[in-house]
Amino acid sequence: MKSHLENALDYLLLAKQESQDSSFERSQMLNKAIENISLLLTEPEDSWTPPNRHDFLIADLLIEACQ
């Protein structure tokens, strides 16, 4: 089963691809990414790990998607 982080990354990459096709589909993908990030942020504290390269990639994609 994929982690919330992996799912968020998948949805952000899809949103990036959809950005040229349909703003509605792009919006749906961004909402799914945000859902997965929210799930990740509400996980128990003892399961927290320091940011890694994927976290920074997600942050970069979120910034790009919001511009």
N, C-alpha and C. Protein backbone atom coordinates (compact mmCIF):
# COMPACT_ATOMS: atom_id res chain seq x y z
N MET A 1 0.84 -1.18 0.00
CA MET A 1 0.00 0.00 0.00
C MET A 1 0.88 1.25 0.00
N LYS A 2 0.54 2.20 -0.82
CA LYS A 2 1.34 3.42 -0.92
C LYS A 2 1.14 4.32 0.29
N SER A 3 2.18 5.03 0.64
CA SER A 3 2.07 5.99 1.74
C SER A 3 1.32 7.24 1.27
N HIS A 4 0.85 8.02 2.23
CA HIS A 4 0.18 9.27 1.89
C HIS A 4 1.12 10.18 1.11
N LEU A 5 2.40 10.13 1.44
CA LEU A 5 3.38 10.96 0.76
C LEU A 5 3.50 10.56 -0.71
N GLU A 6 3.57 9.27 -0.96
CA GLU A 6 3.65 8.79 -2.35
C GLU A 6 2.39 9.14 -3.13
N ASN A 7 1.24 8.98 -2.49
CA ASN A 7 -0.02 9.34 -3.15
C ASN A 7 -0.06 10.83 -3.47
N ALA A 8 0.37 11.65 -2.52
CA ALA A 8 0.38 13.10 -2.75
C ALA A 8 1.28 13.45 -3.93
N LEU A 9 2.44 12.83 -3.97
CA LEU A 9 3.38 13.08 -5.07
C LEU A 9 2.76 12.67 -6.41
N ASP A 10 2.11 11.51 -6.44
CA ASP A 10 1.45 11.06 -7.67
C ASP A 10 0.41 12.07 -8.14
N TYR A 11 -0.43 12.53 -7.21
CA TYR A 11 -1.48 13.48 -7.58
C TYR A 11 -0.90 14.82 -8.03
N LEU A 12 0.18 15.26 -7.40
CA LEU A 12 0.80 16.52 -7.81
C LEU A 12 1.39 16.40 -9.21
N LEU A 13 1.99 15.27 -9.50
CA LEU A 13 2.54 15.07 -10.84
C LEU A 13 1.42 15.02 -11.88
N LEU A 14 0.30 14.38 -11.53
CA LEU A 14 -0.85 14.37 -12.44
C LEU A 14 -1.40 15.78 -12.64
N ALA A 15 -1.47 16.55 -11.56
CA ALA A 15 -1.96 17.92 -11.66
C ALA A 15 -1.07 18.75 -12.57
N LYS A 16 0.23 18.51 -12.47
CA LYS A 16 1.17 19.24 -13.33
C LYS A 16 0.91 18.89 -14.80
N GLN A 17 0.64 17.62 -15.09
CA GLN A 17 0.36 17.20 -16.46
C GLN A 17 -0.97 17.75 -16.94
N GLU A 18 -1.97 17.78 -16.07
CA GLU A 18 -3.31 18.24 -16.43
C GLU A 18 -3.39 19.75 -16.58
N SER A 19 -2.40 20.46 -16.10
CA SER A 19 -2.47 21.93 -16.09
C SER A 19 -2.63 22.51 -17.49
N GLN A 20 -2.19 21.78 -18.50
CA GLN A 20 -2.33 22.27 -19.86
C GLN A 20 -3.65 21.85 -20.49
N ASP A 21 -4.32 20.86 -19.89
CA ASP A 21 -5.53 20.31 -20.48
C ASP A 21 -6.81 20.89 -19.88
N SER A 22 -6.97 20.80 -18.58
CA SER A 22 -8.23 21.18 -17.96
C SER A 22 -7.99 21.69 -16.54
N SER A 23 -8.44 22.89 -16.27
CA SER A 23 -8.25 23.42 -14.92
C SER A 23 -9.11 22.67 -13.91
N PHE A 24 -10.26 22.12 -14.33
CA PHE A 24 -11.10 21.34 -13.41
C PHE A 24 -10.37 20.06 -12.99
N GLU A 25 -9.80 19.34 -13.95
CA GLU A 25 -9.08 18.11 -13.62
C GLU A 25 -7.84 18.42 -12.78
N ARG A 26 -7.19 19.50 -13.11
CA ARG A 26 -6.02 19.92 -12.34
C ARG A 26 -6.42 20.21 -10.90
N SER A 27 -7.54 20.89 -10.74
CA SER A 27 -8.04 21.21 -9.41
C SER A 27 -8.36 19.94 -8.62
N GLN A 28 -8.95 18.96 -9.28
CA GLN A 28 -9.25 17.69 -8.61
C GLN A 28 -7.97 17.00 -8.14
N MET A 29 -6.96 16.99 -8.98
CA MET A 29 -5.70 16.35 -8.60
C MET A 29 -5.03 17.09 -7.44
N LEU A 30 -5.09 18.42 -7.45
CA LEU A 30 -4.52 19.20 -6.35
C LEU A 30 -5.28 18.93 -5.06
N ASN A 31 -6.60 18.82 -5.14
CA ASN A 31 -7.39 18.52 -3.95
C ASN A 31 -7.04 17.15 -3.38
N LYS A 32 -6.82 16.17 -4.24
CA LYS A 32 -6.43 14.83 -3.78
C LYS A 32 -5.05 14.88 -3.13
N ALA A 33 -4.15 15.66 -3.69
CA ALA A 33 -2.82 15.81 -3.10
C ALA A 33 -2.92 16.43 -1.72
N ILE A 34 -3.74 17.47 -1.60
CA ILE A 34 -3.92 18.15 -0.32
C ILE A 34 -4.54 17.18 0.71
N GLU A 35 -5.49 16.37 0.28
CA GLU A 35 -6.09 15.35 1.16
C GLU A 35 -5.02 14.43 1.72
N ASN A 36 -4.14 13.95 0.85
CA ASN A 36 -3.10 13.03 1.28
C ASN A 36 -2.08 13.71 2.19
N ILE A 37 -1.78 14.96 1.92
CA ILE A 37 -0.87 15.70 2.79
C ILE A 37 -1.51 15.91 4.15
N SER A 38 -2.81 16.20 4.18
CA SER A 38 -3.53 16.35 5.44
C SER A 38 -3.49 15.06 6.25
N LEU A 39 -3.70 13.93 5.57
CA LEU A 39 -3.62 12.64 6.25
C LEU A 39 -2.23 12.40 6.82
N LEU A 40 -1.23 12.79 6.05
CA LEU A 40 0.15 12.64 6.50
C LEU A 40 0.41 13.48 7.74
N LEU A 41 -0.12 14.71 7.75
CA LEU A 41 0.12 15.62 8.88
C LEU A 41 -0.64 15.22 10.13
N THR A 42 -1.67 14.41 9.99
CA THR A 42 -2.45 14.00 11.17
C THR A 42 -2.04 12.62 11.68
N GLU A 43 -0.99 12.06 11.13
CA GLU A 43 -0.49 10.78 11.63
C GLU A 43 0.07 10.98 13.03
N PRO A 44 0.10 9.93 13.85
CA PRO A 44 0.64 10.05 15.21
C PRO A 44 2.06 10.61 15.21
N GLU A 45 2.36 11.37 16.25
CA GLU A 45 3.67 12.03 16.31
C GLU A 45 4.84 11.06 16.28
N ASP A 46 4.67 9.89 16.88
CA ASP A 46 5.80 8.95 16.92
C ASP A 46 6.13 8.36 15.56
N SER A 47 5.28 8.59 14.57
CA SER A 47 5.58 8.09 13.23
C SER A 47 6.23 9.16 12.35
N TRP A 48 6.48 10.35 12.91
CA TRP A 48 7.07 11.44 12.15
C TRP A 48 8.53 11.14 11.84
N THR A 49 8.94 11.48 10.63
CA THR A 49 10.34 11.36 10.24
C THR A 49 10.80 12.69 9.64
N PRO A 50 12.08 12.98 9.72
CA PRO A 50 12.57 14.24 9.15
C PRO A 50 12.30 14.32 7.66
N PRO A 51 12.21 15.55 7.12
CA PRO A 51 11.97 15.71 5.68
C PRO A 51 13.05 15.02 4.85
N ASN A 52 12.64 14.48 3.74
CA ASN A 52 13.60 13.86 2.83
C ASN A 52 13.45 14.49 1.45
N ARG A 53 14.11 13.93 0.49
CA ARG A 53 14.10 14.51 -0.86
C ARG A 53 12.70 14.53 -1.46
N HIS A 54 11.88 13.52 -1.18
CA HIS A 54 10.51 13.50 -1.69
C HIS A 54 9.67 14.63 -1.10
N ASP A 55 9.89 14.93 0.17
CA ASP A 55 9.16 16.03 0.81
C ASP A 55 9.45 17.35 0.10
N PHE A 56 10.71 17.57 -0.23
CA PHE A 56 11.08 18.81 -0.89
C PHE A 56 10.55 18.85 -2.33
N LEU A 57 10.50 17.70 -2.99
CA LEU A 57 9.93 17.62 -4.33
C LEU A 57 8.45 17.98 -4.28
N ILE A 58 7.74 17.46 -3.29
CA ILE A 58 6.32 17.78 -3.13
C ILE A 58 6.14 19.27 -2.87
N ALA A 59 6.97 19.83 -2.02
CA ALA A 59 6.87 21.27 -1.73
C ALA A 59 7.09 22.08 -3.00
N ASP A 60 8.08 21.72 -3.79
CA ASP A 60 8.35 22.43 -5.05
C ASP A 60 7.17 22.33 -6.01
N LEU A 61 6.57 21.13 -6.11
CA LEU A 61 5.42 20.95 -7.00
C LEU A 61 4.20 21.73 -6.51
N LEU A 62 4.00 21.78 -5.19
CA LEU A 62 2.89 22.57 -4.65
C LEU A 62 3.07 24.05 -4.96
N ILE A 63 4.27 24.55 -4.77
CA ILE A 63 4.55 25.96 -5.06
C ILE A 63 4.30 26.24 -6.54
N GLU A 64 4.80 25.36 -7.40
CA GLU A 64 4.61 25.53 -8.84
C GLU A 64 3.13 25.47 -9.22
N ALA A 65 2.39 24.56 -8.61
CA ALA A 65 0.97 24.39 -8.93
C ALA A 65 0.15 25.61 -8.51
N CYS A 66 0.58 26.27 -7.46
CA CYS A 66 -0.18 27.42 -6.95
C CYS A 66 0.14 28.72 -7.68
N GLN A 67 1.13 28.71 -8.52
CA GLN A 67 1.51 29.95 -9.23
C GLN A 67 0.66 30.17 -10.45
